[in-house]
PDB file of N, CA and C in Angstrom:
ATOM      1  N   MET A   1     -68.579-203.477 -26.381  1.00  0.00           N
ATOM      2  CA  MET A   1     -68.794-202.584 -25.287  1.00  0.00           C
ATOM      3  C   MET A   1     -70.283-202.586 -24.914  1.00  0.00           C
ATOM      4  N   SER A   2     -70.507-202.582 -23.617  1.00  0.00           N
ATOM      5  CA  SER A   2     -71.861-202.674 -23.140  1.00  0.00           C
ATOM      6  C   SER A   2     -72.675-201.413 -23.404  1.00  0.00           C
ATOM      7  N   ASP A   3     -73.970-201.562 -23.428  1.00  0.00           N
ATOM      8  CA  ASP A   3     -74.815-200.396 -23.644  1.00  0.00           C
ATOM      9  C   ASP A   3     -74.652-199.366 -22.497  1.00  0.00           C
ATOM     10  N   ASP A   4     -74.434-199.846 -21.317  1.00  0.00           N
ATOM     11  CA  ASP A   4     -74.228-198.979 -20.156  1.00  0.00           C
ATOM     12  C   ASP A   4     -72.965-198.094 -20.315  1.00  0.00           C
ATOM     13  N   ILE A   5     -71.917-198.648 -20.773  1.00  0.00           N
ATOM     14  CA  ILE A   5     -70.641-197.952 -20.952  1.00  0.00           C
ATOM     15  C   ILE A   5     -70.868-196.944 -22.134  1.00  0.00           C
ATOM     16  N   LEU A   6     -71.527-197.353 -23.213  1.00  0.00           N
ATOM     17  CA  LEU A   6     -71.818-196.462 -24.327  1.00  0.00           C
ATOM     18  C   LEU A   6     -72.653-195.229 -23.841  1.00  0.00           C
ATOM     19  N   GLU A   7     -73.596-195.464 -23.056  1.00  0.00           N
ATOM     20  CA  GLU A   7     -74.450-194.418 -22.554  1.00  0.00           C
ATOM     21  C   GLU A   7     -73.628-193.448 -21.699  1.00  0.00           C
ATOM     22  N   LYS A   8     -72.709-194.007 -20.861  1.00  0.00           N
ATOM     23  CA  LYS A   8     -71.919-193.090 -20.000  1.00  0.00           C
ATOM     24  C   LYS A   8     -70.953-192.309 -20.880  1.00  0.00           C
ATOM     25  N   LYS A   9     -70.376-192.934 -21.872  1.00  0.00           N
ATOM     26  CA  LYS A   9     -69.465-192.164 -22.779  1.00  0.00           C
ATOM     27  C   LYS A   9     -70.229-191.054 -23.485  1.00  0.00           C
ATOM     28  N   ASN A  10     -71.435-191.362 -23.895  1.00  0.00           N
ATOM     29  CA  ASN A  10     -72.282-190.307 -24.545  1.00  0.00           C
ATOM     30  C   ASN A  10     -72.580-189.179 -23.603  1.00  0.00           C
ATOM     31  N   LEU A  11     -72.833-189.442 -22.355  1.00  0.00           N
ATOM     32  CA  LEU A  11     -73.042-188.384 -21.378  1.00  0.00           C
ATOM     33  C   LEU A  11     -71.843-187.463 -21.260  1.00  0.00           C
ATOM     34  N   ILE A  12     -70.652-188.051 -21.228  1.00  0.00           N
ATOM     35  CA  ILE A  12     -69.428-187.251 -21.162  1.00  0.00           C
ATOM     36  C   ILE A  12     -69.235-186.470 -22.457  1.00  0.00           C
ATOM     37  N   LYS A  13     -69.467-187.021 -23.592  1.00  0.00           N
ATOM     38  CA  LYS A  13     -69.314-186.337 -24.841  1.00  0.00           C
ATOM     39  C   LYS A  13     -70.318-185.146 -24.923  1.00  0.00           C
ATOM     40  N   PHE A  14     -71.519-185.347 -24.498  1.00  0.00           N
ATOM     41  CA  PHE A  14     -72.519-184.242 -24.535  1.00  0.00           C
ATOM     42  C   PHE A  14     -72.175-183.162 -23.537  1.00  0.00           C
ATOM     43  N   ALA A  15     -71.656-183.534 -22.360  1.00  0.00           N
ATOM     44  CA  ALA A  15     -71.209-182.494 -21.394  1.00  0.00           C
ATOM     45  C   ALA A  15     -70.010-181.758 -21.927  1.00  0.00           C
ATOM     46  N   LEU A  16     -69.121-182.445 -22.615  1.00  0.00           N
ATOM     47  CA  LEU A  16     -67.998-181.711 -23.244  1.00  0.00           C
ATOM     48  C   LEU A  16     -68.523-180.769 -24.351  1.00  0.00           C
ATOM     49  N   ALA A  17     -69.434-181.256 -25.136  1.00  0.00           N
ATOM     50  CA  ALA A  17     -69.932-180.451 -26.234  1.00  0.00           C
ATOM     51  C   ALA A  17     -70.566-179.162 -25.715  1.00  0.00           C
ATOM     52  N   GLU A  18     -71.422-179.271 -24.706  1.00  0.00           N
ATOM     53  CA  GLU A  18     -72.059-178.118 -24.129  1.00  0.00           C
ATOM     54  C   GLU A  18     -71.030-177.097 -23.514  1.00  0.00           C
ATOM     55  N   THR A  19     -70.085-177.651 -22.828  1.00  0.00           N
ATOM     56  CA  THR A  19     -69.015-176.816 -22.280  1.00  0.00           C
ATOM     57  C   THR A  19     -68.226-176.095 -23.348  1.00  0.00           C
ATOM     58  N   MET A  20     -67.867-176.789 -24.431  1.00  0.00           N
ATOM     59  CA  MET A  20     -67.121-176.167 -25.510  1.00  0.00           C
ATOM     60  C   MET A  20     -67.976-175.065 -26.183  1.00  0.00           C
ATOM     61  N   ARG A  21     -69.204-175.316 -26.453  1.00  0.00           N
ATOM     62  CA  ARG A  21     -70.074-174.276 -27.057  1.00  0.00           C
ATOM     63  C   ARG A  21     -70.181-173.053 -26.185  1.00  0.00           C
ATOM     64  N   GLU A  22     -70.309-173.274 -24.869  1.00  0.00           N
ATOM     65  CA  GLU A  22     -70.419-172.144 -23.944  1.00  0.00           C
ATOM     66  C   GLU A  22     -69.156-171.266 -23.993  1.00  0.00           C
ATOM     67  N   HIS A  23     -68.037-171.901 -24.018  1.00  0.00           N
ATOM     68  CA  HIS A  23     -66.803-171.133 -24.022  1.00  0.00           C
ATOM     69  C   HIS A  23     -66.481-170.471 -25.354  1.00  0.00           C
ATOM     70  N   ARG A  24     -66.844-171.171 -26.443  1.00  0.00           N
ATOM     71  CA  ARG A  24     -66.519-170.566 -27.774  1.00  0.00           C
ATOM     72  C   ARG A  24     -67.389-169.368 -28.016  1.00  0.00           C
ATOM     73  N   GLY A  25     -68.571-169.317 -27.465  1.00  0.00           N
ATOM     74  CA  GLY A  25     -69.452-168.189 -27.623  1.00  0.00           C
ATOM     75  C   GLY A  25     -69.800-167.979 -29.066  1.00  0.00           C
ATOM     76  N   SER A  26     -69.667-166.697 -29.523  1.00  0.00           N
ATOM     77  CA  SER A  26     -70.099-166.318 -30.837  1.00  0.00           C
ATOM     78  C   SER A  26     -68.966-166.472 -31.913  1.00  0.00           C
ATOM     79  N   LYS A  27     -67.796-166.785 -31.398  1.00  0.00           N
ATOM     80  CA  LYS A  27     -66.656-166.968 -32.330  1.00  0.00           C
ATOM     81  C   LYS A  27     -66.928-168.150 -33.288  1.00  0.00           C
ATOM     82  N   SER A  28     -66.645-167.917 -34.554  1.00  0.00           N
ATOM     83  CA  SER A  28     -66.927-169.010 -35.512  1.00  0.00           C
ATOM     84  C   SER A  28     -65.999-170.228 -35.274  1.00  0.00           C
ATOM     85  N   LEU A  29     -66.494-171.360 -35.697  1.00  0.00           N
ATOM     86  CA  LEU A  29     -65.685-172.598 -35.623  1.00  0.00           C
ATOM     87  C   LEU A  29     -64.383-172.429 -36.370  1.00  0.00           C
ATOM     88  N   PHE A  30     -64.469-171.844 -37.536  1.00  0.00           N
ATOM     89  CA  PHE A  30     -63.288-171.604 -38.397  1.00  0.00           C
ATOM     90  C   PHE A  30     -62.269-170.728 -37.650  1.00  0.00           C
ATOM     91  N   LYS A  31     -62.700-169.616 -37.126  1.00  0.00           N
ATOM     92  CA  LYS A  31     -61.791-168.690 -36.418  1.00  0.00           C
ATOM     93  C   LYS A  31     -61.197-169.353 -35.225  1.00  0.00           C
ATOM     94  N   PHE A  32     -62.013-169.999 -34.368  1.00  0.00           N
ATOM     95  CA  PHE A  32     -61.524-170.688 -33.162  1.00  0.00           C
ATOM     96  C   PHE A  32     -60.485-171.734 -33.572  1.00  0.00           C
ATOM     97  N   SER A  33     -60.795-172.573 -34.530  1.00  0.00           N
ATOM     98  CA  SER A  33     -59.913-173.627 -34.905  1.00  0.00           C
ATOM     99  C   SER A  33     -58.578-173.045 -35.514  1.00  0.00           C
ATOM    100  N   SER A  34     -58.674-172.029 -36.342  1.00  0.00           N
ATOM    101  CA  SER A  34     -57.481-171.464 -37.002  1.00  0.00           C
ATOM    102  C   SER A  34     -56.622-170.809 -35.946  1.00  0.00           C
ATOM    103  N   GLU A  35     -57.188-170.077 -35.023  1.00  0.00           N
ATOM    104  CA  GLU A  35     -56.436-169.347 -34.044  1.00  0.00           C
ATOM    105  C   GLU A  35     -55.657-170.280 -33.083  1.00  0.00           C
ATOM    106  N   ASN A  36     -56.204-171.489 -32.922  1.00  0.00           N
ATOM    107  CA  ASN A  36     -55.676-172.409 -31.894  1.00  0.00           C
ATOM    108  C   ASN A  36     -55.041-173.693 -32.491  1.00  0.00           C
ATOM    109  N   ASP A  37     -54.970-173.764 -33.756  1.00  0.00           N
ATOM    110  CA  ASP A  37     -54.336-174.881 -34.470  1.00  0.00           C
ATOM    111  C   ASP A  37     -54.951-176.215 -34.052  1.00  0.00           C
ATOM    112  N   ILE A  38     -56.262-176.215 -34.035  1.00  0.00           N
ATOM    113  CA  ILE A  38     -57.027-177.410 -33.773  1.00  0.00           C
ATOM    114  C   ILE A  38     -57.908-177.653 -35.028  1.00  0.00           C
ATOM    115  N   PRO A  39     -57.800-178.842 -35.617  1.00  0.00           N
ATOM    116  CA  PRO A  39     -58.587-179.086 -36.817  1.00  0.00           C
ATOM    117  C   PRO A  39     -60.057-178.755 -36.623  1.00  0.00           C
ATOM    118  N   MET A  40     -60.681-178.055 -37.555  1.00  0.00           N
ATOM    119  CA  MET A  40     -62.044-177.644 -37.441  1.00  0.00           C
ATOM    120  C   MET A  40     -62.950-178.867 -37.304  1.00  0.00           C
ATOM    121  N   SER A  41     -62.624-179.954 -37.964  1.00  0.00           N
ATOM    122  CA  SER A  41     -63.422-181.179 -37.863  1.00  0.00           C
ATOM    123  C   SER A  41     -63.439-181.714 -36.426  1.00  0.00           C
ATOM    124  N   VAL A  42     -62.351-181.594 -35.730  1.00  0.00           N
ATOM    125  CA  VAL A  42     -62.283-182.101 -34.353  1.00  0.00           C
ATOM    126  C   VAL A  42     -63.186-181.209 -33.464  1.00  0.00           C
ATOM    127  N   VAL A  43     -63.088-179.909 -33.651  1.00  0.00           N
ATOM    128  CA  VAL A  43     -63.925-179.010 -32.824  1.00  0.00           C
ATOM    129  C   VAL A  43     -65.384-179.201 -33.175  1.00  0.00           C
ATOM    130  N   SER A  44     -65.736-179.290 -34.435  1.00  0.00           N
ATOM    131  CA  SER A  44     -67.093-179.461 -34.830  1.00  0.00           C
ATOM    132  C   SER A  44     -67.716-180.762 -34.314  1.00  0.00           C
ATOM    133  N   GLU A  45     -66.989-181.837 -34.486  1.00  0.00           N
ATOM    134  CA  GLU A  45     -67.510-183.145 -34.015  1.00  0.00           C
ATOM    135  C   GLU A  45     -67.601-183.198 -32.479  1.00  0.00           C
ATOM    136  N   ALA A  46     -66.657-182.613 -31.771  1.00  0.00           N
ATOM    137  CA  ALA A  46     -66.698-182.580 -30.329  1.00  0.00           C
ATOM    138  C   ALA A  46     -67.897-181.703 -29.840  1.00  0.00           C
ATOM    139  N   GLU A  47     -68.100-180.585 -30.518  1.00  0.00           N
ATOM    140  CA  GLU A  47     -69.246-179.708 -30.110  1.00  0.00           C
ATOM    141  C   GLU A  47     -70.598-180.297 -30.440  1.00  0.00           C
ATOM    142  N   ARG A  48     -70.644-181.271 -31.275  1.00  0.00           N
ATOM    143  CA  ARG A  48     -71.859-181.951 -31.596  1.00  0.00           C
ATOM    144  C   ARG A  48     -72.015-183.285 -30.816  1.00  0.00           C
ATOM    145  N   GLY A  49     -71.063-183.578 -29.920  1.00  0.00           N
ATOM    146  CA  GLY A  49     -71.142-184.794 -29.149  1.00  0.00           C
ATOM    147  C   GLY A  49     -70.862-186.032 -29.940  1.00  0.00           C
ATOM    148  N   LEU A  50     -70.141-185.868 -31.070  1.00  0.00           N
ATOM    149  CA  LEU A  50     -69.832-187.013 -31.920  1.00  0.00           C
ATOM    150  C   LEU A  50     -68.430-187.593 -31.708  1.00  0.00           C
ATOM    151  N   LYS A  51     -67.539-186.797 -31.085  1.00  0.00           N
ATOM    152  CA  LYS A  51     -66.160-187.143 -30.974  1.00  0.00           C
ATOM    153  C   LYS A  51     -65.727-187.145 -29.504  1.00  0.00           C
ATOM    154  N   ASP A  52     -64.905-188.070 -29.184  1.00  0.00           N
ATOM    155  CA  ASP A  52     -64.332-188.181 -27.840  1.00  0.00           C
ATOM    156  C   ASP A  52     -62.865-187.852 -28.026  1.00  0.00           C
ATOM    157  N   PRO A  53     -62.485-186.550 -27.888  1.00  0.00           N
ATOM    158  CA  PRO A  53     -61.102-186.136 -28.230  1.00  0.00           C
ATOM    159  C   PRO A  53     -60.068-186.795 -27.303  1.00  0.00           C
ATOM    160  N   GLN A  54     -58.846-186.925 -27.792  1.00  0.00           N
ATOM    161  CA  GLN A  54     -57.752-187.415 -27.034  1.00  0.00           C
ATOM    162  C   GLN A  54     -57.454-186.474 -25.874  1.00  0.00           C
ATOM    163  N   LEU A  55     -56.829-186.966 -24.879  1.00  0.00           N
ATOM    164  CA  LEU A  55     -56.450-186.118 -23.697  1.00  0.00           C
ATOM    165  C   LEU A  55     -55.588-184.943 -24.154  1.00  0.00           C
ATOM    166  N   THR A  56     -54.676-185.125 -25.043  1.00  0.00           N
ATOM    167  CA  THR A  56     -53.840-184.027 -25.528  1.00  0.00           C
ATOM    168  C   THR A  56     -54.675-182.969 -26.158  1.00  0.00           C
ATOM    169  N   THR A  57     -55.687-183.316 -26.867  1.00  0.00           N
ATOM    170  CA  THR A  57     -56.578-182.346 -27.452  1.00  0.00           C
ATOM    171  C   THR A  57     -57.395-181.608 -26.408  1.00  0.00           C
ATOM    172  N   ILE A  58     -57.804-182.281 -25.380  1.00  0.00           N
ATOM    173  CA  ILE A  58     -58.543-181.620 -24.262  1.00  0.00           C
ATOM    174  C   ILE A  58     -57.648-180.558 -23.655  1.00  0.00           C
ATOM    175  N   PHE A  59     -56.354-180.880 -23.420  1.00  0.00           N
ATOM    176  CA  PHE A  59     -55.434-179.896 -22.911  1.00  0.00           C
ATOM    177  C   PHE A  59     -55.364-178.669 -23.848  1.00  0.00           C
ATOM    178  N   LYS A  60     -55.299-178.918 -25.160  1.00  0.00           N
ATOM    179  CA  LYS A  60     -55.172-177.816 -26.109  1.00  0.00           C
ATOM    180  C   LYS A  60     -56.465-177.014 -26.106  1.00  0.00           C
ATOM    181  N   ILE A  61     -57.610-177.632 -26.060  1.00  0.00           N
ATOM    182  CA  ILE A  61     -58.855-176.892 -26.049  1.00  0.00           C
ATOM    183  C   ILE A  61     -58.985-176.052 -24.797  1.00  0.00           C
ATOM    184  N   ALA A  62     -58.624-176.596 -23.643  1.00  0.00           N
ATOM    185  CA  ALA A  62     -58.674-175.839 -22.388  1.00  0.00           C
ATOM    186  C   ALA A  62     -57.779-174.568 -22.490  1.00  0.00           C
ATOM    187  N   GLU A  63     -56.564-174.823 -23.020  1.00  0.00           N
ATOM    188  CA  GLU A  63     -55.657-173.694 -23.212  1.00  0.00           C
ATOM    189  C   GLU A  63     -56.241-172.654 -24.173  1.00  0.00           C
ATOM    190  N   ALA A  64     -56.893-173.066 -25.191  1.00  0.00           N
ATOM    191  CA  ALA A  64     -57.493-172.141 -26.145  1.00  0.00           C
ATOM    192  C   ALA A  64     -58.525-171.260 -25.446  1.00  0.00           C
ATOM    193  N   TYR A  65     -59.214-171.805 -24.438  1.00  0.00           N
ATOM    194  CA  TYR A  65     -60.213-171.007 -23.683  1.00  0.00           C
ATOM    195  C   TYR A  65     -59.543-170.296 -22.485  1.00  0.00           C
ATOM    196  N   SER A  66     -58.200-170.356 -22.406  1.00  0.00           N
ATOM    197  CA  SER A  66     -57.476-169.709 -21.283  1.00  0.00           C
ATOM    198  C   SER A  66     -57.918-170.270 -19.943  1.00  0.00           C
ATOM    199  N   LEU A  67     -58.110-171.602 -19.923  1.00  0.00           N
ATOM    200  CA  LEU A  67     -58.525-172.281 -18.690  1.00  0.00           C
ATOM    201  C   LEU A  67     -57.472-173.318 -18.339  1.00  0.00           C
ATOM    202  N   PRO A  68     -57.214-173.482 -17.020  1.00  0.00           N
ATOM    203  CA  PRO A  68     -56.418-174.626 -16.604  1.00  0.00           C
ATOM    204  C   PRO A  68     -57.220-175.908 -16.973  1.00  0.00           C
ATOM    205  N   VAL A  69     -56.562-176.913 -17.396  1.00  0.00           N
ATOM    206  CA  VAL A  69     -57.270-178.128 -17.831  1.00  0.00           C
ATOM    207  C   VAL A  69     -58.130-178.674 -16.700  1.00  0.00           C
ATOM    208  N   ALA A  70     -57.678-178.570 -15.446  1.00  0.00           N
ATOM    209  CA  ALA A  70     -58.467-179.100 -14.281  1.00  0.00           C
ATOM    210  C   ALA A  70     -59.782-178.388 -14.228  1.00  0.00           C
ATOM    211  N   VAL A  71     -59.790-177.059 -14.447  1.00  0.00           N
ATOM    212  CA  VAL A  71     -61.044-176.290 -14.401  1.00  0.00           C
ATOM    213  C   VAL A  71     -61.952-176.678 -15.532  1.00  0.00           C
ATOM    214  N   PHE A  72     -61.384-176.869 -16.687  1.00  0.00           N
ATOM    215  CA  PHE A  72     -62.192-177.272 -17.894  1.00  0.00           C
ATOM    216  C   PHE A  72     -62.867-178.620 -17.614  1.00  0.00           C
ATOM    217  N   VAL A  73     -62.098-179.569 -17.069  1.00  0.00           N
ATOM    218  CA  VAL A  73     -62.611-180.882 -16.799  1.00  0.00           C
ATOM    219  C   VAL A  73     -63.676-180.826 -15.702  1.00  0.00           C
ATOM    220  N   GLN A  74     -63.434-180.004 -14.685  1.00  0.00           N
ATOM    221  CA  GLN A  74     -64.431-179.785 -13.627  1.00  0.00           C
ATOM    222  C   GLN A  74     -65.765-179.263 -14.188  1.00  0.00           C
ATOM    223  N   GLU A  75     -65.680-178.297 -15.139  1.00  0.00           N
ATOM    224  CA  GLU A  75     -66.884-177.780 -15.733  1.00  0.00           C
ATOM    225  C   GLU A  75     -67.640-178.883 -16.470  1.00  0.00           C
ATOM    226  N   ILE A  76     -66.922-179.765 -17.153  1.00  0.00           N
ATOM    227  CA  ILE A  76     -67.549-180.908 -17.839  1.00  0.00           C
ATOM    228  C   ILE A  76     -68.198-181.818 -16.820  1.00  0.00           C
ATOM    229  N   ALA A  77     -67.446-182.153 -15.799  1.00  0.00           N
ATOM    230  CA  ALA A  77     -67.943-183.062 -14.749  1.00  0.00           C
ATOM    231  C   ALA A  77     -69.190-182.516 -14.066  1.00  0.00           C
ATOM    232  N   ALA A  78     -69.248-181.226 -13.953  1.00  0.00           N
ATOM    233  CA  ALA A  78     -70.413-180.582 -13.275  1.00  0.00           C
ATOM    234  C   ALA A  78     -71.699-180.790 -14.068  1.00  0.00           C
ATOM    235  N   LYS A  79     -71.591-181.047 -15.328  1.00  0.00           N
ATOM    236  CA  LYS A  79     -72.812-181.244 -16.151  1.00  0.00           C
ATOM    237  C   LYS A  79     -73.246-182.725 -16.225  1.00  0.00           C
ATOM    238  N   LEU A  80     -72.515-183.634 -15.514  1.00  0.00           N
ATOM    239  CA  LEU A  80     -72.846-184.992 -15.471  1.00  0.00           C
ATOM    240  C   LEU A  80     -73.832-185.294 -14.316  1.00  0.00           C
ATOM    241  N   PRO A  81     -74.582-186.337 -14.332  1.00  0.00           N
ATOM    242  CA  PRO A  81     -75.501-186.641 -13.298  1.00  0.00           C
ATOM    243  C   PRO A  81     -74.758-186.805 -11.945  1.00  0.00           C
ATOM    244  N   PRO A  82     -75.457-186.518 -10.841  1.00  0.00           N
ATOM    245  CA  PRO A  82     -74.856-186.726  -9.506  1.00  0.00           C
ATOM    246  C   PRO A  82     -74.325-188.106  -9.367  1.00  0.00           C
ATOM    247  N   ASN A  83     -73.205-188.301  -8.678  1.00  0.00           N
ATOM    248  CA  ASN A  83     -72.606-189.604  -8.412  1.00  0.00           C
ATOM    249  C   ASN A  83     -72.291-190.351  -9.691  1.00  0.00           C
ATOM    250  N   PHE A  84     -72.029-189.658 -10.759  1.00  0.00           N
ATOM    251  CA  PHE A  84     -71.649-190.281 -12.011  1.00  0.00           C
ATOM    252  C   PHE A  84     -70.349-191.075 -11.849  1.00  0.00           C
ATOM    253  N   SER A  85     -70.308-192.301 -12.410  1.00  0.00           N
ATOM    254  CA  SER A  85     -69.131-193.126 -12.349  1.00  0.00           C
ATOM    255  C   SER A  85     -69.078-193.935 -13.584  1.00  0.00           C
ATOM    256  N   MET A  86     -67.881-194.062 -14.138  1.00  0.00           N
ATOM    257  CA  MET A  86     -67.704-194.931 -15.287  1.00  0.00           C
ATOM    258  C   MET A  86     -67.595-196.377 -14.885  1.00  0.00           C
ATOM    259  N   ILE A  87     -67.277-196.577 -13.590  1.00  0.00           N
ATOM    260  CA  ILE A  87     -67.076-197.957 -13.105  1.00  0.00           C
ATOM    261  C   ILE A  87     -68.263-198.334 -12.227  1.00  0.00           C
ATOM    262  N   ASP A  88     -68.871-199.427 -12.511  1.00  0.00           N
ATOM    263  CA  ASP A  88     -70.028-199.960 -11.705  1.00  0.00           C
ATOM    264  C   ASP A  88     -69.419-200.650 -10.467  1.00  0.00           C
ATOM    265  N   LYS A  89     -69.787-200.202  -9.322  1.00  0.00           N
ATOM    266  CA  LYS A  89     -69.247-200.812  -8.071  1.00  0.00           C
ATOM    267  C   LYS A  89     -70.398-201.386  -7.322  1.00  0.00           C
TER     268      LYS A  89
END
């Protein structure tokens, strides 16, 4: 995988991490994970920008925040650079 693609993936992971931390607020990782049946390791790694969760997990996380998945993804996308694209054209 090229360095450019890795950099872009990292930008997405960090935008996801920031969005997740904002929505979880002061609730502990343990409580959030337990209440929503999401492994604590998945939440922890995603919130630190280390994990690129599966799409099904993104749906579950959005639901845990009482957000439509489209809104959750829009919030993540809003944290990316202007004109961000995974595909070089």
